[in-house]
Protein backbone atom coordinates (compact mmCIF):
# COMPACT_ATOMS: atom_id res chain seq x y z
CA MET A 1 0.00 0.00 0.00
CA GLY A 2 1.21 3.51 -0.76
CA LYS A 3 1.56 6.24 1.82
CA CYS A 4 -0.01 9.66 1.46
CA LEU A 5 2.49 12.44 0.83
CA GLY A 6 1.50 14.14 4.07
CA GLU A 7 2.86 11.19 6.02
CA SER A 8 6.54 10.40 6.63
CA ALA A 9 6.94 8.56 3.36
CA PHE A 10 10.74 8.76 2.97
CA THR A 11 13.85 7.81 4.91
CA ASN A 12 16.53 9.77 3.07
CA PRO A 13 15.46 10.72 -0.49
CA TYR A 14 18.59 11.40 -2.53
CA SER A 15 18.04 10.73 -6.23
CA ILE A 16 15.07 11.28 -8.53
CA ALA A 17 13.98 10.37 -12.06
CA VAL A 18 10.85 11.38 -13.93
CA ASP A 19 8.50 8.65 -15.14
CA PRO A 20 8.67 9.12 -18.94
CA THR A 21 5.16 7.70 -19.31
CA ASN A 22 3.72 10.29 -16.90
CA SER A 23 5.79 13.41 -16.27
CA ALA A 24 3.83 14.20 -13.08
CA HIS A 25 5.13 11.01 -11.44
CA PHE A 26 8.64 10.27 -10.13
CA PHE A 27 10.95 7.49 -9.04
CA ILE A 28 12.84 8.31 -5.85
CA GLY A 29 16.06 6.70 -4.64
CA ASP A 30 15.36 6.71 -0.91
CA ALA A 31 18.40 5.40 1.01
CA TRP A 32 17.91 1.63 0.65
CA SER A 33 14.80 1.51 -1.54
CA ILE A 34 13.30 2.80 -4.77
CA ARG A 35 9.88 4.41 -4.45
CA TYR A 36 7.28 5.60 -6.91
CA CYS A 37 5.72 8.97 -6.20
CA THR A 38 2.39 10.24 -7.60
CA ALA A 39 0.54 13.41 -6.65
CA THR A 40 -0.97 11.69 -3.62
CA THR A 41 0.93 8.51 -2.75
CA VAL A 42 4.38 6.97 -2.43
CA SER A 43 4.72 3.23 -3.16
CA LEU A 44 7.60 0.78 -2.89
CA ILE A 45 9.16 -0.45 -6.14
CA ALA A 46 12.14 -2.37 -4.73
CA GLY A 47 14.32 -2.54 -1.64
CA SER A 48 13.54 -2.42 2.05
CA ALA A 49 13.95 -0.42 5.25
CA SER A 50 17.45 -1.81 5.87
CA SER A 51 20.69 -1.69 3.90
CA GLY A 52 22.33 -4.69 2.28
CA PHE A 53 22.92 -6.34 -1.05
CA ALA A 54 20.60 -8.84 -2.70
CA ASP A 55 19.02 -9.27 -6.09
CA GLY A 56 15.38 -10.28 -6.04
CA ILE A 57 11.80 -9.25 -6.67
CA GLY A 58 10.54 -6.00 -5.15
CA ALA A 59 10.98 -5.93 -1.37
CA ALA A 60 13.25 -8.99 -1.51
CA ALA A 61 15.99 -6.89 -3.15
CA LYS A 62 18.43 -4.85 -1.05
CA PHE A 63 20.40 -1.68 -1.76
CA ASP A 64 22.76 0.64 0.11
CA SER A 65 22.73 4.35 -0.80
CA ILE A 66 21.00 4.83 -4.15
CA THR A 67 22.72 7.93 -5.54
CA GLY A 68 21.58 7.90 -9.17
CA LEU A 69 18.55 6.79 -11.19
CA VAL A 70 17.69 6.73 -14.89
CA VAL A 71 14.61 5.33 -16.64
CA THR A 72 14.28 4.18 -20.24
CA ARG A 73 12.01 6.29 -22.41
CA ASP A 74 9.46 3.48 -22.74
CA GLY A 75 9.21 3.28 -18.95
CA ALA A 76 10.06 -0.43 -18.98
CA ARG A 77 13.37 -0.41 -17.10
CA LEU A 78 15.11 1.60 -14.41
CA TYR A 79 18.83 1.64 -13.57
CA ALA A 80 20.25 2.60 -10.19
CA ALA A 81 23.72 3.46 -8.89
CA ASP A 82 24.18 1.52 -5.63
CA CYS A 83 26.97 3.65 -4.19
CA MET A 84 28.15 1.94 -1.03
CA TYR A 85 28.50 -1.47 -2.65
CA GLY A 86 29.77 -0.18 -5.99
CA PHE A 87 27.10 -1.76 -8.20
CA ILE A 88 24.88 -0.75 -11.10
CA ARG A 89 21.47 -2.35 -10.63
CA SER A 90 18.71 -2.93 -13.19
CA VAL A 91 15.00 -2.99 -12.32
CA ASP A 92 12.35 -4.46 -14.62
CA LEU A 93 9.43 -2.14 -13.89
CA LYS A 94 6.86 -4.72 -14.96
CA THR A 95 8.06 -7.62 -12.81
CA LEU A 96 10.02 -5.52 -10.25
CA ALA A 97 12.94 -7.95 -10.67
CA VAL A 98 16.26 -6.41 -9.57
CA THR A 99 19.52 -7.67 -11.08
CA THR A 100 23.12 -6.49 -10.78
CA ILE A 101 24.66 -5.72 -14.16
CA ALA A 102 28.07 -4.24 -13.23
CA GLY A 103 30.42 -4.26 -10.26
CA ASP A 104 31.84 -6.93 -7.98
CA GLY A 105 31.54 -5.14 -4.64
CA THR A 106 35.29 -4.62 -4.17
CA PHE A 107 35.03 -0.81 -4.30
CA THR A 108 37.90 -0.42 -6.77
CA THR A 109 38.15 0.79 -10.38
CA ARG A 110 38.58 -2.10 -12.81
CA ASP A 111 37.35 -2.51 -16.37
CA GLY A 112 35.59 -5.72 -17.31
CA ILE A 113 32.28 -7.28 -18.27
CA GLY A 114 29.29 -7.34 -15.94
CA ARG A 115 30.08 -8.65 -12.46
CA ASP A 116 33.71 -9.14 -13.54
CA SER A 117 34.31 -5.39 -13.19
CA SER A 118 34.38 -2.93 -10.32
CA LEU A 119 33.26 0.61 -9.54
CA HIS A 120 34.42 2.86 -6.73
CA ALA A 121 31.41 4.71 -5.29
CA PRO A 122 29.24 5.19 -8.41
CA ARG A 123 27.28 8.42 -8.00
CA LYS A 124 25.29 9.68 -10.97
CA ILE A 125 24.30 7.77 -14.09
CA ILE A 126 23.04 9.10 -17.42
CA PHE A 127 22.16 7.57 -20.76
CA ASP A 128 24.14 8.63 -23.81
CA ARG A 129 21.18 10.32 -25.47
CA SER A 130 23.34 12.78 -27.39
CA LEU A 131 22.96 13.58 -31.08
CA SER A 132 26.68 12.95 -31.54
CA SER A 133 28.15 10.45 -33.94
CA ALA A 134 31.63 11.01 -32.52
CA SER A 135 31.77 7.57 -30.99
CA PRO A 136 33.88 5.22 -33.15
CA ILE A 137 31.19 2.55 -32.72
CA PRO A 138 27.56 3.48 -33.56
CA VAL A 139 25.29 2.91 -30.59
CA GLN A 140 21.60 2.20 -30.21
CA PRO A 141 19.50 4.67 -28.19
CA GLU A 142 19.83 4.08 -24.43
CA SER A 143 22.32 1.28 -24.94
CA VAL A 144 25.19 3.16 -23.29
CA MET A 145 25.41 5.00 -19.98
CA PHE A 146 28.06 7.17 -18.35
CA ILE A 147 28.76 6.93 -14.63
CA SER A 148 30.45 9.43 -12.35
CA SER A 149 32.41 7.57 -9.71
CA SER A 150 35.22 8.22 -7.28
CA GLY A 151 38.37 8.47 -9.38
CA ALA A 152 36.96 8.06 -12.90
CA ILE A 153 34.19 8.59 -15.42
CA ARG A 154 33.01 5.17 -16.56
CA ARG A 155 31.19 4.00 -19.69
CA LEU A 156 28.85 1.01 -19.51
CA ASP A 157 27.55 -0.74 -22.62
CA LEU A 158 24.14 -2.02 -21.54
CA ILE A 159 24.04 -4.64 -24.30
CA THR A 160 27.45 -6.28 -23.79
CA LYS A 161 27.78 -5.15 -20.11
CA GLN A 162 31.32 -3.95 -20.91
CA LEU A 163 32.48 -1.40 -18.35
CA THR A 164 35.38 0.85 -19.37
CA THR A 165 37.16 3.86 -17.93
CA CYS A 166 36.91 7.02 -20.03
CA PRO A 167 40.17 8.78 -20.97
CA TRP A 168 41.17 12.26 -19.87
CA LYS A 169 43.77 14.85 -20.78
CA ALA A 170 44.29 18.59 -20.33
CA GLY A 171 42.05 20.87 -22.39
CA THR A 172 43.30 22.65 -25.50
CA GLY A 173 40.66 25.35 -25.98
CA THR A 174 42.12 28.83 -26.29
CA GLY A 175 41.88 30.59 -22.96
CA THR A 176 39.91 27.74 -21.43
CA GLY A 177 42.47 24.98 -21.07
CA THR A 178 43.14 23.64 -17.61
CA SER A 179 46.38 22.39 -16.09
CA LEU A 180 47.07 18.68 -15.94
CA SER A 181 46.67 18.59 -12.15
CA ALA A 182 43.36 20.45 -12.43
CA ALA A 183 42.25 18.02 -15.12
CA VAL A 184 43.01 15.10 -12.84
CA MET A 185 41.08 16.67 -9.99
CA ALA A 186 38.08 17.47 -12.20
CA VAL A 187 37.71 13.81 -13.12
CA LEU A 188 38.58 12.40 -9.70
CA ARG A 189 36.19 14.74 -7.92
CA ALA A 190 33.34 14.70 -10.43
CA PHE A 191 30.22 14.18 -8.37
CA SER A 192 27.50 14.72 -10.92
CA ILE A 193 27.31 14.77 -14.70
CA VAL A 194 24.91 16.03 -17.36
CA MET A 195 25.19 15.57 -21.12
CA THR A 196 24.84 18.20 -23.84
CA PRO A 197 23.25 17.32 -27.20
CA SER A 198 26.74 17.36 -28.75
CA GLY A 199 27.79 14.44 -26.55
CA HIS A 200 29.98 16.41 -24.14
CA LEU A 201 29.64 15.90 -20.41
CA ILE A 202 29.47 18.72 -17.90
CA LEU A 203 31.32 17.58 -14.79
CA ILE A 204 30.26 19.10 -11.49
CA SER A 205 33.22 18.77 -9.13
CA SER A 206 32.08 18.99 -5.53
CA SER A 207 35.10 18.22 -3.38
CA THR A 208 36.08 21.86 -3.03
CA ARG A 209 34.04 24.80 -1.75
CA SER A 210 34.73 26.82 -4.90
CA VAL A 211 32.97 24.51 -7.31
CA PRO A 212 34.16 24.42 -10.93
CA LEU A 213 32.22 23.09 -13.91
CA HIS A 214 34.30 21.35 -16.56
CA LEU A 215 33.38 20.46 -20.12
CA TYR A 216 34.51 16.93 -20.93
CA ASP A 217 34.54 14.82 -24.09
CA PRO A 218 34.27 11.19 -22.91
CA HIS A 219 35.49 9.88 -26.29
CA THR A 220 38.68 11.92 -26.64
CA GLY A 221 39.32 12.87 -23.02
CA GLU A 222 39.51 16.60 -23.82
CA LEU A 223 38.72 18.59 -20.68
CA GLU A 224 38.19 22.33 -20.35
CA LEU A 225 37.14 24.61 -17.53
CA LEU A 226 33.65 25.86 -18.37
CA CYS A 227 33.05 28.21 -15.45
CA GLY A 228 34.21 28.79 -11.89
CA CYS A 229 37.81 28.66 -10.76
CA GLY A 230 38.13 25.60 -8.56
CA SER A 231 40.34 27.57 -6.18
CA GLU A 232 39.73 28.19 -2.49
CA SER A 233 42.37 30.89 -2.29
CA SER A 234 41.48 33.78 -0.01
CA GLY A 235 42.16 36.05 -2.96
CA HIS A 236 39.07 34.75 -4.75
CA ALA A 237 35.55 35.76 -3.81
CA GLN A 238 33.25 32.80 -3.38
CA PHE A 239 30.42 34.55 -5.20
CA ALA A 240 30.70 36.50 -8.42
CA ASP A 241 28.72 36.67 -11.62
CA GLY A 242 30.67 36.98 -14.84
CA PRO A 243 31.84 35.13 -17.94
CA GLY A 244 33.49 31.72 -17.65
CA GLN A 245 36.33 31.53 -15.20
CA THR A 246 35.54 34.89 -13.61
CA ALA A 247 32.37 33.41 -12.09
CA ARG A 248 32.59 32.11 -8.54
CA PHE A 249 30.53 29.49 -6.72
CA ASP A 250 30.51 28.31 -3.14
CA GLY A 251 29.69 24.81 -2.02
CA ALA A 252 29.01 21.40 -3.46
CA PHE A 253 25.97 21.23 -5.68
CA ASP A 254 24.24 18.63 -7.74
CA GLY A 255 21.55 20.57 -9.58
CA VAL A 256 22.25 21.39 -13.23
CA VAL A 257 19.42 21.40 -15.77
CA PHE A 258 18.97 22.57 -19.36
CA ASP A 259 16.15 24.69 -20.71
CA SER A 260 14.89 24.99 -24.28
CA GLU A 261 17.02 28.09 -24.93
CA ARG A 262 20.44 26.40 -24.68
CA CYS A 263 21.01 27.58 -21.14
CA ILE A 264 21.79 25.78 -17.91
CA PHE A 265 20.56 26.57 -14.42
CA ILE A 266 22.89 25.74 -11.54
CA THR A 267 22.09 25.42 -7.84
CA ASP A 268 24.78 27.26 -5.84
CA SER A 269 24.11 25.79 -2.42
CA ASN A 270 26.19 27.80 0.06
CA ASN A 271 25.42 31.06 -1.70
CA LYS A 272 21.72 30.13 -1.62
CA ARG A 273 21.32 31.18 -5.23
CA LEU A 274 20.16 29.76 -8.55
CA ARG A 275 22.69 30.60 -11.26
CA HIS A 276 22.19 30.80 -15.02
CA MET A 277 24.64 30.31 -17.90
CA THR A 278 24.27 30.32 -21.69
CA LEU A 279 26.24 27.50 -23.30
CA PRO A 280 28.28 27.80 -26.53
CA ASP A 281 26.41 26.92 -29.70
CA HIS A 282 28.76 24.05 -30.59
CA LEU A 283 27.47 22.06 -27.63
CA PHE A 284 24.14 21.78 -29.44
CA THR A 285 25.60 20.80 -32.81
CA VAL A 286 25.64 17.27 -34.21
CA ARG A 287 29.23 16.09 -34.72
CA HIS A 288 30.11 13.95 -37.74
């Protein structure tokens, strides 16, 4: 039975995904369970009131810290990042069967296929829904996902279950390149990711107070500082509007969304502000 929204329906809601078959409904990653939220009720999809690891049907499955959710466009399947155990889990939304498709629970970073691979604290997961044809191998829609994890950006082929580590190198854009050490930190500290229509990833690095956003090409490894400075030096204000690297943020944030006008909105948590940035046109261009 579902609970009414006025009741204490959640334990620790952390991640959210819209139901593509009904945009007024949501899936919520709530600590150790996945819940389905309508305008009036919250119902259990899978998991329980205690942490653990187990595949199974509905409440028989166990999770520990669901930090990311994505749902296929047909509403048939949901994927979850199970952070504390280092797994990617798949949920059949018709049968509520939960299976583990990547990770071996060792909390390391190792490429491989399916359970013969490992992830270190997977955080956010997104489908490669870009318009890009830059990938050397053509992919089917929703057959590939990218994962932000501790120490690496990972690519998971959902058909073959091949998990690989994306490359990285210092950026080369004029005036926007970043040093090698900064490039390393941007990837290692990437907490959340969003994808532009061009196939680039925006990395939100949250391990420093002065949060930088980096633009990252997961195919080539090119990395450039998009905005913010990533420095906590006392010589830098922690809040400033301005172009690119002159902008300043304060505090870890997770909220970055696109609108229909090629802009992003950014939650700047410690400054208690919602920030806005217009992205370059090439990020909305199909690459051939």
